PDB file of N, CA and C in Angstrom:
ATOM      1  N   ALA A   1     -25.361  55.905  43.457  1.00  0.00           N
ATOM      2  CA  ALA A   1     -26.717  55.601  42.857  1.00  0.00           C
ATOM      3  C   ALA A   1     -26.444  55.211  41.372  1.00  0.00           C
ATOM      4  N   ASP A   2     -27.299  54.195  40.972  1.00  0.00           N
ATOM      5  CA  ASP A   2     -27.243  53.776  39.712  1.00  0.00           C
ATOM      6  C   ASP A   2     -27.864  54.731  38.685  1.00  0.00           C
ATOM      7  N   ALA A   3     -27.271  54.769  37.589  1.00  0.00           N
ATOM      8  CA  ALA A   3     -27.777  55.662  36.544  1.00  0.00           C
ATOM      9  C   ALA A   3     -27.660  55.124  35.090  1.00  0.00           C
ATOM     10  N   VAL A   4     -28.536  55.541  34.297  1.00  0.00           N
ATOM     11  CA  VAL A   4     -28.476  55.136  32.863  1.00  0.00           C
ATOM     12  C   VAL A   4     -28.399  56.504  32.111  1.00  0.00           C
ATOM     13  N   VAL A   5     -27.387  56.683  31.327  1.00  0.00           N
ATOM     14  CA  VAL A   5     -27.197  57.958  30.573  1.00  0.00           C
ATOM     15  C   VAL A   5     -27.722  57.705  29.170  1.00  0.00           C
ATOM     16  N   VAL A   6     -28.652  58.605  28.733  1.00  0.00           N
ATOM     17  CA  VAL A   6     -29.171  58.375  27.470  1.00  0.00           C
ATOM     18  C   VAL A   6     -28.716  59.690  26.599  1.00  0.00           C
ATOM     19  N   ASP A   7     -27.821  59.526  25.708  1.00  0.00           N
ATOM     20  CA  ASP A   7     -27.356  60.724  24.960  1.00  0.00           C
ATOM     21  C   ASP A   7     -28.059  60.657  23.566  1.00  0.00           C
ATOM     22  N   LEU A   8     -29.152  61.522  23.531  1.00  0.00           N
ATOM     23  CA  LEU A   8     -29.917  61.570  22.224  1.00  0.00           C
ATOM     24  C   LEU A   8     -29.223  62.173  20.998  1.00  0.00           C
ATOM     25  N   ASP A   9     -28.279  63.014  21.354  1.00  0.00           N
ATOM     26  CA  ASP A   9     -27.382  63.694  20.307  1.00  0.00           C
ATOM     27  C   ASP A   9     -26.494  62.660  19.634  1.00  0.00           C
ATOM     28  N   ALA A  10     -25.933  61.758  20.512  1.00  0.00           N
ATOM     29  CA  ALA A  10     -24.989  60.851  20.036  1.00  0.00           C
ATOM     30  C   ALA A  10     -25.629  59.357  19.824  1.00  0.00           C
ATOM     31  N   ASN A  11     -26.941  59.250  20.072  1.00  0.00           N
ATOM     32  CA  ASN A  11     -27.543  58.061  20.031  1.00  0.00           C
ATOM     33  C   ASN A  11     -26.915  56.946  20.767  1.00  0.00           C
ATOM     34  N   THR A  12     -26.647  57.128  22.056  1.00  0.00           N
ATOM     35  CA  THR A  12     -25.960  56.178  22.902  1.00  0.00           C
ATOM     36  C   THR A  12     -26.686  55.988  24.169  1.00  0.00           C
ATOM     37  N   VAL A  13     -26.501  54.727  24.715  1.00  0.00           N
ATOM     38  CA  VAL A  13     -27.070  54.492  26.073  1.00  0.00           C
ATOM     39  C   VAL A  13     -25.934  53.859  26.805  1.00  0.00           C
ATOM     40  N   THR A  14     -25.694  54.498  27.972  1.00  0.00           N
ATOM     41  CA  THR A  14     -24.530  53.910  28.900  1.00  0.00           C
ATOM     42  C   THR A  14     -24.905  53.790  30.189  1.00  0.00           C
ATOM     43  N   THR A  15     -24.586  52.513  30.701  1.00  0.00           N
ATOM     44  CA  THR A  15     -24.905  52.221  32.138  1.00  0.00           C
ATOM     45  C   THR A  15     -23.625  52.234  33.085  1.00  0.00           C
ATOM     46  N   GLU A  16     -23.813  52.333  34.318  1.00  0.00           N
ATOM     47  CA  GLU A  16     -22.668  52.262  35.192  1.00  0.00           C
ATOM     48  C   GLU A  16     -21.908  50.857  35.149  1.00  0.00           C
ATOM     49  N   TYR A  17     -22.674  49.889  34.914  1.00  0.00           N
ATOM     50  CA  TYR A  17     -22.240  48.457  34.810  1.00  0.00           C
ATOM     51  C   TYR A  17     -22.008  47.852  33.409  1.00  0.00           C
ATOM     52  N   ASP A  18     -22.281  48.755  32.354  1.00  0.00           N
ATOM     53  CA  ASP A  18     -22.063  48.346  31.000  1.00  0.00           C
ATOM     54  C   ASP A  18     -22.861  47.009  30.931  1.00  0.00           C
ATOM     55  N   ASP A  19     -24.080  46.922  31.302  1.00  0.00           N
ATOM     56  CA  ASP A  19     -24.882  45.673  31.209  1.00  0.00           C
ATOM     57  C   ASP A  19     -25.971  45.648  30.205  1.00  0.00           C
ATOM     58  N   LEU A  20     -25.928  46.670  29.387  1.00  0.00           N
ATOM     59  CA  LEU A  20     -26.999  46.607  28.190  1.00  0.00           C
ATOM     60  C   LEU A  20     -26.836  45.378  27.522  1.00  0.00           C
ATOM     61  N   GLY A  21     -25.634  44.882  27.179  1.00  0.00           N
ATOM     62  CA  GLY A  21     -25.401  43.755  26.502  1.00  0.00           C
ATOM     63  C   GLY A  21     -26.002  42.451  26.987  1.00  0.00           C
ATOM     64  N   ASP A  22     -26.302  42.546  28.343  1.00  0.00           N
ATOM     65  CA  ASP A  22     -27.001  41.397  29.008  1.00  0.00           C
ATOM     66  C   ASP A  22     -28.381  41.102  28.668  1.00  0.00           C
ATOM     67  N   LEU A  23     -28.976  42.181  28.008  1.00  0.00           N
ATOM     68  CA  LEU A  23     -30.398  42.032  27.691  1.00  0.00           C
ATOM     69  C   LEU A  23     -30.425  41.344  26.283  1.00  0.00           C
ATOM     70  N   PRO A  24     -31.541  40.434  26.189  1.00  0.00           N
ATOM     71  CA  PRO A  24     -31.710  39.814  24.746  1.00  0.00           C
ATOM     72  C   PRO A  24     -31.615  40.767  23.710  1.00  0.00           C
ATOM     73  N   GLU A  25     -31.110  40.321  22.570  1.00  0.00           N
ATOM     74  CA  GLU A  25     -30.880  41.347  21.352  1.00  0.00           C
ATOM     75  C   GLU A  25     -32.189  41.979  20.944  1.00  0.00           C
ATOM     76  N   ASN A  26     -33.298  41.195  21.001  1.00  0.00           N
ATOM     77  CA  ASN A  26     -34.539  41.824  20.444  1.00  0.00           C
ATOM     78  C   ASN A  26     -34.960  42.869  21.482  1.00  0.00           C
ATOM     79  N   VAL A  27     -34.724  42.602  22.785  1.00  0.00           N
ATOM     80  CA  VAL A  27     -35.132  43.677  23.734  1.00  0.00           C
ATOM     81  C   VAL A  27     -34.366  44.922  23.892  1.00  0.00           C
ATOM     82  N   SER A  28     -33.093  44.750  23.616  1.00  0.00           N
ATOM     83  CA  SER A  28     -32.175  45.962  23.679  1.00  0.00           C
ATOM     84  C   SER A  28     -32.409  46.707  22.236  1.00  0.00           C
ATOM     85  N   ASN A  29     -32.666  45.992  21.196  1.00  0.00           N
ATOM     86  CA  ASN A  29     -32.973  46.752  19.922  1.00  0.00           C
ATOM     87  C   ASN A  29     -34.247  47.524  20.093  1.00  0.00           C
ATOM     88  N   TYR A  30     -35.316  46.874  20.697  1.00  0.00           N
ATOM     89  CA  TYR A  30     -36.509  47.583  21.022  1.00  0.00           C
ATOM     90  C   TYR A  30     -36.304  48.867  21.716  1.00  0.00           C
ATOM     91  N   LEU A  31     -35.527  48.638  22.823  1.00  0.00           N
ATOM     92  CA  LEU A  31     -35.296  49.928  23.641  1.00  0.00           C
ATOM     93  C   LEU A  31     -34.499  50.998  22.803  1.00  0.00           C
ATOM     94  N   LYS A  32     -33.516  50.648  22.123  1.00  0.00           N
ATOM     95  CA  LYS A  32     -32.800  51.532  21.243  1.00  0.00           C
ATOM     96  C   LYS A  32     -33.734  52.338  20.262  1.00  0.00           C
ATOM     97  N   ARG A  33     -34.518  51.487  19.554  1.00  0.00           N
ATOM     98  CA  ARG A  33     -35.488  52.026  18.652  1.00  0.00           C
ATOM     99  C   ARG A  33     -36.511  53.072  19.162  1.00  0.00           C
ATOM    100  N   ASN A  34     -36.840  52.667  20.577  1.00  0.00           N
ATOM    101  CA  ASN A  34     -37.846  53.667  21.214  1.00  0.00           C
ATOM    102  C   ASN A  34     -37.030  54.951  21.570  1.00  0.00           C
ATOM    103  N   LEU A  35     -35.855  54.733  21.870  1.00  0.00           N
ATOM    104  CA  LEU A  35     -35.149  55.933  22.358  1.00  0.00           C
ATOM    105  C   LEU A  35     -34.756  56.883  21.253  1.00  0.00           C
ATOM    106  N   LYS A  36     -34.725  56.420  19.915  1.00  0.00           N
ATOM    107  CA  LYS A  36     -34.271  57.180  18.829  1.00  0.00           C
ATOM    108  C   LYS A  36     -35.441  57.862  18.203  1.00  0.00           C
ATOM    109  N   THR A  37     -36.605  57.581  18.649  1.00  0.00           N
ATOM    110  CA  THR A  37     -37.809  58.098  17.965  1.00  0.00           C
ATOM    111  C   THR A  37     -37.965  59.554  18.219  1.00  0.00           C
ATOM    112  N   ASP A  38     -38.519  60.274  17.225  1.00  0.00           N
ATOM    113  CA  ASP A  38     -38.729  61.680  17.325  1.00  0.00           C
ATOM    114  C   ASP A  38     -39.718  62.069  18.426  1.00  0.00           C
ATOM    115  N   VAL A  39     -40.637  61.013  18.851  1.00  0.00           N
ATOM    116  CA  VAL A  39     -41.472  61.260  19.970  1.00  0.00           C
ATOM    117  C   VAL A  39     -40.685  61.523  21.206  1.00  0.00           C
ATOM    118  N   VAL A  40     -39.544  60.755  21.384  1.00  0.00           N
ATOM    119  CA  VAL A  40     -38.777  60.934  22.605  1.00  0.00           C
ATOM    120  C   VAL A  40     -38.088  62.256  22.500  1.00  0.00           C
ATOM    121  N   LYS A  41     -37.455  62.562  21.470  1.00  0.00           N
ATOM    122  CA  LYS A  41     -36.769  63.879  21.302  1.00  0.00           C
ATOM    123  C   LYS A  41     -37.673  65.102  21.521  1.00  0.00           C
ATOM    124  N   ASN A  42     -38.921  64.897  20.968  1.00  0.00           N
ATOM    125  CA  ASN A  42     -39.860  66.174  21.106  1.00  0.00           C
ATOM    126  C   ASN A  42     -40.573  66.208  22.364  1.00  0.00           C
ATOM    127  N   SER A  43     -40.576  65.146  23.179  1.00  0.00           N
ATOM    128  CA  SER A  43     -41.306  65.162  24.375  1.00  0.00           C
ATOM    129  C   SER A  43     -40.446  65.278  25.709  1.00  0.00           C
ATOM    130  N   MET A  44     -39.195  65.629  25.388  1.00  0.00           N
ATOM    131  CA  MET A  44     -38.297  65.803  26.532  1.00  0.00           C
ATOM    132  C   MET A  44     -38.704  67.049  27.488  1.00  0.00           C
ATOM    133  N   LYS A  45     -39.661  67.911  26.958  1.00  0.00           N
ATOM    134  CA  LYS A  45     -40.037  68.868  27.941  1.00  0.00           C
ATOM    135  C   LYS A  45     -40.836  68.391  29.080  1.00  0.00           C
ATOM    136  N   THR A  46     -41.464  67.233  29.018  1.00  0.00           N
ATOM    137  CA  THR A  46     -42.329  66.690  30.057  1.00  0.00           C
ATOM    138  C   THR A  46     -41.489  65.799  30.894  1.00  0.00           C
ATOM    139  N   GLY A  47     -40.333  65.287  30.353  1.00  0.00           N
ATOM    140  CA  GLY A  47     -39.318  64.613  31.285  1.00  0.00           C
ATOM    141  C   GLY A  47     -39.693  63.144  31.419  1.00  0.00           C
ATOM    142  N   ASP A  48     -40.815  62.508  30.847  1.00  0.00           N
ATOM    143  CA  ASP A  48     -41.219  61.202  31.046  1.00  0.00           C
ATOM    144  C   ASP A  48     -40.922  60.404  29.890  1.00  0.00           C
ATOM    145  N   ALA A  49     -40.610  60.845  28.736  1.00  0.00           N
ATOM    146  CA  ALA A  49     -40.457  59.956  27.589  1.00  0.00           C
ATOM    147  C   ALA A  49     -39.395  58.993  27.722  1.00  0.00           C
ATOM    148  N   ILE A  50     -38.313  59.179  28.403  1.00  0.00           N
ATOM    149  CA  ILE A  50     -37.292  58.098  28.552  1.00  0.00           C
ATOM    150  C   ILE A  50     -37.796  57.165  29.534  1.00  0.00           C
ATOM    151  N   SER A  51     -38.503  57.536  30.640  1.00  0.00           N
ATOM    152  CA  SER A  51     -38.920  56.606  31.475  1.00  0.00           C
ATOM    153  C   SER A  51     -40.055  55.622  30.897  1.00  0.00           C
ATOM    154  N   VAL A  52     -40.849  56.304  30.068  1.00  0.00           N
ATOM    155  CA  VAL A  52     -41.886  55.410  29.412  1.00  0.00           C
ATOM    156  C   VAL A  52     -41.220  54.305  28.440  1.00  0.00           C
ATOM    157  N   ALA A  53     -40.179  54.913  27.743  1.00  0.00           N
ATOM    158  CA  ALA A  53     -39.402  53.919  26.916  1.00  0.00           C
ATOM    159  C   ALA A  53     -38.912  52.760  27.642  1.00  0.00           C
ATOM    160  N   PHE A  54     -38.233  53.072  28.768  1.00  0.00           N
ATOM    161  CA  PHE A  54     -37.764  51.969  29.674  1.00  0.00           C
ATOM    162  C   PHE A  54     -38.849  51.068  30.248  1.00  0.00           C
ATOM    163  N   LEU A  55     -39.952  51.713  30.814  1.00  0.00           N
ATOM    164  CA  LEU A  55     -41.058  50.906  31.171  1.00  0.00           C
ATOM    165  C   LEU A  55     -41.573  49.933  30.164  1.00  0.00           C
ATOM    166  N   HIS A  56     -41.736  50.444  28.941  1.00  0.00           N
ATOM    167  CA  HIS A  56     -42.333  49.564  27.882  1.00  0.00           C
ATOM    168  C   HIS A  56     -41.252  48.432  27.604  1.00  0.00           C
ATOM    169  N   THR A  57     -40.067  48.748  27.614  1.00  0.00           N
ATOM    170  CA  THR A  57     -38.927  47.618  27.492  1.00  0.00           C
ATOM    171  C   THR A  57     -39.084  46.673  28.597  1.00  0.00           C
ATOM    172  N   LEU A  58     -39.142  47.122  29.872  1.00  0.00           N
ATOM    173  CA  LEU A  58     -39.306  46.319  30.958  1.00  0.00           C
ATOM    174  C   LEU A  58     -40.526  45.279  30.800  1.00  0.00           C
ATOM    175  N   VAL A  59     -41.593  45.800  30.396  1.00  0.00           N
ATOM    176  CA  VAL A  59     -42.868  45.069  30.129  1.00  0.00           C
ATOM    177  C   VAL A  59     -42.605  43.989  29.032  1.00  0.00           C
ATOM    178  N   ARG A  60     -41.862  44.380  28.070  1.00  0.00           N
ATOM    179  CA  ARG A  60     -41.529  43.492  26.973  1.00  0.00           C
ATOM    180  C   ARG A  60     -40.597  42.388  27.535  1.00  0.00           C
ATOM    181  N   LEU A  61     -39.752  42.670  28.344  1.00  0.00           N
ATOM    182  CA  LEU A  61     -38.708  41.784  28.852  1.00  0.00           C
ATOM    183  C   LEU A  61     -39.405  40.741  29.972  1.00  0.00           C
ATOM    184  N   ILE A  62     -40.154  41.324  30.801  1.00  0.00           N
ATOM    185  CA  ILE A  62     -40.718  40.427  31.894  1.00  0.00           C
ATOM    186  C   ILE A  62     -42.260  40.097  31.938  1.00  0.00           C
ATOM    187  N   GLY A  63     -42.906  40.571  30.865  1.00  0.00           N
ATOM    188  CA  GLY A  63     -44.391  40.630  30.644  1.00  0.00           C
ATOM    189  C   GLY A  63     -44.815  39.130  30.572  1.00  0.00           C
ATOM    190  N   GLY A  64     -44.028  38.195  30.233  1.00  0.00           N
ATOM    191  CA  GLY A  64     -44.458  36.787  30.123  1.00  0.00           C
ATOM    192  C   GLY A  64     -44.116  35.953  31.221  1.00  0.00           C
ATOM    193  N   TYR A  65     -43.840  36.504  32.376  1.00  0.00           N
ATOM    194  CA  TYR A  65     -43.576  35.799  33.650  1.00  0.00           C
ATOM    195  C   TYR A  65     -44.445  34.745  33.997  1.00  0.00           C
ATOM    196  N   ARG A  66     -45.752  34.818  33.555  1.00  0.00           N
ATOM    197  CA  ARG A  66     -46.799  33.743  33.904  1.00  0.00           C
ATOM    198  C   ARG A  66     -46.517  32.395  33.153  1.00  0.00           C
ATOM    199  N   ASP A  67     -45.698  32.448  32.080  1.00  0.00           N
ATOM    200  CA  ASP A  67     -45.372  31.243  31.274  1.00  0.00           C
ATOM    201  C   ASP A  67     -44.555  30.496  32.239  1.00  0.00           C
ATOM    202  N   ALA A  68     -43.828  30.937  33.145  1.00  0.00           N
ATOM    203  CA  ALA A  68     -43.075  30.174  33.979  1.00  0.00           C
ATOM    204  C   ALA A  68     -43.537  29.850  35.397  1.00  0.00           C
ATOM    205  N   LEU A  69     -44.807  30.161  35.698  1.00  0.00           N
ATOM    206  CA  LEU A  69     -45.391  29.782  36.970  1.00  0.00           C
ATOM    207  C   LEU A  69     -45.901  28.343  36.863  1.00  0.00           C
ATOM    208  N   LYS A  70     -45.719  27.554  37.878  1.00  0.00           N
ATOM    209  CA  LYS A  70     -46.001  26.285  38.027  1.00  0.00           C
ATOM    210  C   LYS A  70     -47.115  26.030  38.914  1.00  0.00           C
ATOM    211  N   PHE A  71     -48.289  25.572  38.506  1.00  0.00           N
ATOM    212  CA  PHE A  71     -49.409  25.264  39.419  1.00  0.00           C
ATOM    213  C   PHE A  71     -49.536  23.737  39.532  1.00  0.00           C
ATOM    214  N   ARG A  72     -49.552  23.311  40.917  1.00  0.00           N
ATOM    215  CA  ARG A  72     -49.769  21.914  41.128  1.00  0.00           C
ATOM    216  C   ARG A  72     -50.723  21.913  42.417  1.00  0.00           C
ATOM    217  N   ALA A  73     -51.712  21.138  42.131  1.00  0.00           N
ATOM    218  CA  ALA A  73     -52.721  21.000  43.242  1.00  0.00           C
ATOM    219  C   ALA A  73     -52.172  20.679  44.547  1.00  0.00           C
ATOM    220  N   GLY A  74     -52.568  21.590  45.488  1.00  0.00           N
ATOM    221  CA  GLY A  74     -52.165  21.309  46.953  1.00  0.00           C
ATOM    222  C   GLY A  74     -50.794  21.772  47.308  1.00  0.00           C
ATOM    223  N   GLU A  75     -50.123  22.377  46.351  1.00  0.00           N
ATOM    224  CA  GLU A  75     -48.825  22.868  46.587  1.00  0.00           C
ATOM    225  C   GLU A  75     -48.651  24.417  46.155  1.00  0.00           C
ATOM    226  N   PRO A  76     -47.768  25.064  46.830  1.00  0.00           N
ATOM    227  CA  PRO A  76     -47.637  26.587  46.577  1.00  0.00           C
ATOM    228  C   PRO A  76     -47.296  26.724  44.989  1.00  0.00           C
ATOM    229  N   ILE A  77     -47.688  27.926  44.530  1.00  0.00           N
ATOM    230  CA  ILE A  77     -47.329  28.165  43.115  1.00  0.00           C
ATOM    231  C   ILE A  77     -45.839  28.582  43.096  1.00  0.00           C
ATOM    232  N   THR A  78     -45.062  27.896  42.050  1.00  0.00           N
ATOM    233  CA  THR A  78     -43.618  28.200  42.019  1.00  0.00           C
ATOM    234  C   THR A  78     -43.216  28.900  40.648  1.00  0.00           C
ATOM    235  N   PHE A  79     -42.100  29.404  40.619  1.00  0.00           N
ATOM    236  CA  PHE A  79     -41.554  30.081  39.538  1.00  0.00           C
ATOM    237  C   PHE A  79     -40.410  29.230  39.056  1.00  0.00           C
ATOM    238  N   ASP A  80     -40.467  28.822  37.722  1.00  0.00           N
ATOM    239  CA  ASP A  80     -39.378  28.093  37.065  1.00  0.00           C
ATOM    240  C   ASP A  80     -38.446  28.916  36.355  1.00  0.00           C
ATOM    241  N   PRO A  81     -37.251  29.415  36.689  1.00  0.00           N
ATOM    242  CA  PRO A  81     -36.529  30.367  35.961  1.00  0.00           C
ATOM    243  C   PRO A  81     -36.030  29.871  34.606  1.00  0.00           C
ATOM    244  N   GLU A  82     -35.857  28.653  34.510  1.00  0.00           N
ATOM    245  CA  GLU A  82     -35.456  27.953  33.150  1.00  0.00           C
ATOM    246  C   GLU A  82     -36.710  28.047  32.197  1.00  0.00           C
ATOM    247  N   ALA A  83     -37.807  27.816  32.638  1.00  0.00           N
ATOM    248  CA  ALA A  83     -39.016  27.920  31.804  1.00  0.00           C
ATOM    249  C   ALA A  83     -39.166  29.448  31.287  1.00  0.00           C
ATOM    250  N   PHE A  84     -38.925  30.267  32.239  1.00  0.00           N
ATOM    251  CA  PHE A  84     -38.924  31.785  31.894  1.00  0.00           C
ATOM    252  C   PHE A  84     -38.053  32.178  30.839  1.00  0.00           C
ATOM    253  N   VAL A  85     -36.763  31.748  30.861  1.00  0.00           N
ATOM    254  CA  VAL A  85     -35.814  32.089  29.977  1.00  0.00           C
ATOM    255  C   VAL A  85     -36.104  31.353  28.639  1.00  0.00           C
ATOM    256  N   ARG A  86     -36.660  30.129  28.692  1.00  0.00           N
ATOM    257  CA  ARG A  86     -37.045  29.451  27.341  1.00  0.00           C
ATOM    258  C   ARG A  86     -38.144  30.382  26.746  1.00  0.00           C
ATOM    259  N   SER A  87     -39.102  30.831  27.498  1.00  0.00           N
ATOM    260  CA  SER A  87     -40.213  31.484  26.991  1.00  0.00           C
ATOM    261  C   SER A  87     -39.911  32.835  26.331  1.00  0.00           C
ATOM    262  N   ARG A  88     -38.776  33.434  26.958  1.00  0.00           N
ATOM    263  CA  ARG A  88     -38.402  34.786  26.458  1.00  0.00           C
ATOM    264  C   ARG A  88     -37.565  34.655  25.216  1.00  0.00           C
ATOM    265  N   SER A  89     -36.895  33.484  25.009  1.00  0.00           N
ATOM    266  CA  SER A  89     -36.012  33.413  23.896  1.00  0.00           C
ATOM    267  C   SER A  89     -36.779  33.044  22.536  1.00  0.00           C
ATOM    268  N   SER A  90     -38.051  32.882  22.623  1.00  0.00           N
ATOM    269  CA  SER A  90     -38.732  32.518  21.433  1.00  0.00           C
ATOM    270  C   SER A  90     -39.110  33.765  20.609  1.00  0.00           C
TER     271      SER A  90
END
Protein backbone atom coordinates (compact mmCIF):
# COMPACT_ATOMS: atom_id res chain seq x y z
CA ALA A 1 0.00 0.00 0.00
CA ASP A 2 1.17 3.50 -0.79
CA ALA A 3 1.73 5.74 2.19
CA VAL A 4 2.75 9.27 2.96
CA VAL A 5 4.40 9.76 6.34
CA VAL A 6 3.96 13.18 7.90
CA ASP A 7 6.22 13.65 10.93
CA LEU A 8 4.96 16.79 12.64
CA ASP A 9 7.70 16.68 15.26
CA ALA A 10 10.48 16.62 12.66
CA ASN A 11 8.58 18.73 10.09
CA THR A 12 9.12 16.14 7.35
CA VAL A 13 6.98 14.52 4.68
CA THR A 14 8.18 11.20 3.29
CA THR A 15 6.66 9.12 0.51
CA GLU A 16 7.38 5.56 -0.55
CA TYR A 17 8.53 6.80 -3.96
CA ASP A 18 10.28 9.99 -2.80
CA ASP A 19 8.15 11.88 -5.34
CA LEU A 20 7.42 15.06 -3.41
CA GLY A 21 10.07 16.76 -5.54
CA ASP A 22 7.98 16.04 -8.65
CA LEU A 23 5.40 18.59 -7.53
CA PRO A 24 5.80 22.17 -8.70
CA GLU A 25 7.71 24.12 -6.06
CA ASN A 26 4.82 26.46 -5.27
CA VAL A 27 2.51 23.47 -4.68
CA SER A 28 4.96 21.56 -2.46
CA ASN A 29 5.64 24.74 -0.48
CA TYR A 30 1.89 25.24 -0.06
CA LEU A 31 1.53 21.67 1.26
CA LYS A 32 4.47 22.00 3.64
CA ARG A 33 3.16 25.33 4.95
CA ASN A 34 -0.26 23.82 5.60
CA LEU A 35 1.21 20.80 7.36
CA LYS A 36 3.28 23.00 9.68
CA THR A 37 0.41 25.10 10.94
CA ASP A 38 -0.74 24.90 14.52
CA VAL A 39 -4.20 24.09 13.19
CA VAL A 40 -2.93 20.73 11.95
CA LYS A 41 -1.07 20.02 15.16
CA ASN A 42 -4.02 21.00 17.33
CA SER A 43 -6.65 19.15 15.30
CA MET A 44 -4.94 15.77 15.20
CA LYS A 45 -7.64 14.52 17.57
CA THR A 46 -10.14 14.45 14.71
CA GLY A 47 -7.71 12.75 12.36
CA ASP A 48 -8.77 14.70 9.29
CA ALA A 49 -6.39 17.67 9.38
CA ILE A 50 -3.70 16.01 7.27
CA SER A 51 -6.28 14.74 4.76
CA VAL A 52 -7.69 18.24 4.43
CA ALA A 53 -4.20 19.70 3.86
CA PHE A 54 -3.57 17.16 1.07
CA LEU A 55 -7.02 17.76 -0.43
CA HIS A 56 -6.46 21.53 -0.55
CA THR A 57 -3.09 20.92 -2.18
CA LEU A 58 -4.65 18.61 -4.78
CA VAL A 59 -7.25 21.25 -5.60
CA ARG A 60 -4.48 23.83 -5.97
CA LEU A 61 -2.57 21.46 -8.27
CA ILE A 62 -5.35 20.29 -10.60
CA GLY A 63 -8.06 22.85 -9.99
CA GLY A 64 -7.38 24.62 -13.28
CA TYR A 65 -7.86 21.56 -15.48
CA ARG A 66 -10.56 23.42 -17.44
CA ASP A 67 -7.85 25.66 -18.88
CA ALA A 68 -6.66 22.64 -20.88
CA LEU A 69 -10.01 21.51 -22.27
CA LYS A 70 -10.43 22.03 -26.00
CA PHE A 71 -13.91 22.66 -27.34
CA ARG A 72 -14.46 22.35 -31.10
CA ALA A 73 -17.91 22.36 -32.64
CA GLY A 74 -19.00 18.87 -33.64
CA GLU A 75 -16.02 17.16 -31.97
CA PRO A 76 -15.59 15.50 -28.59
CA ILE A 77 -14.12 17.66 -25.84
CA THR A 78 -10.41 16.88 -25.51
CA PHE A 79 -7.77 17.49 -22.86
CA ASP A 80 -4.47 19.09 -23.88
CA PRO A 81 -1.77 18.00 -21.39
CA GLU A 82 0.76 20.59 -22.62
CA ALA A 83 -1.77 23.40 -22.17
CA PHE A 84 -2.47 22.09 -18.67
CA VAL A 85 1.21 22.15 -17.70
CA ARG A 86 1.60 25.64 -19.16
CA SER A 87 -1.43 26.86 -17.21
CA ARG A 88 -0.07 25.46 -13.94
CA SER A 89 3.40 26.96 -14.30
CA SER A 90 2.15 30.53 -14.28
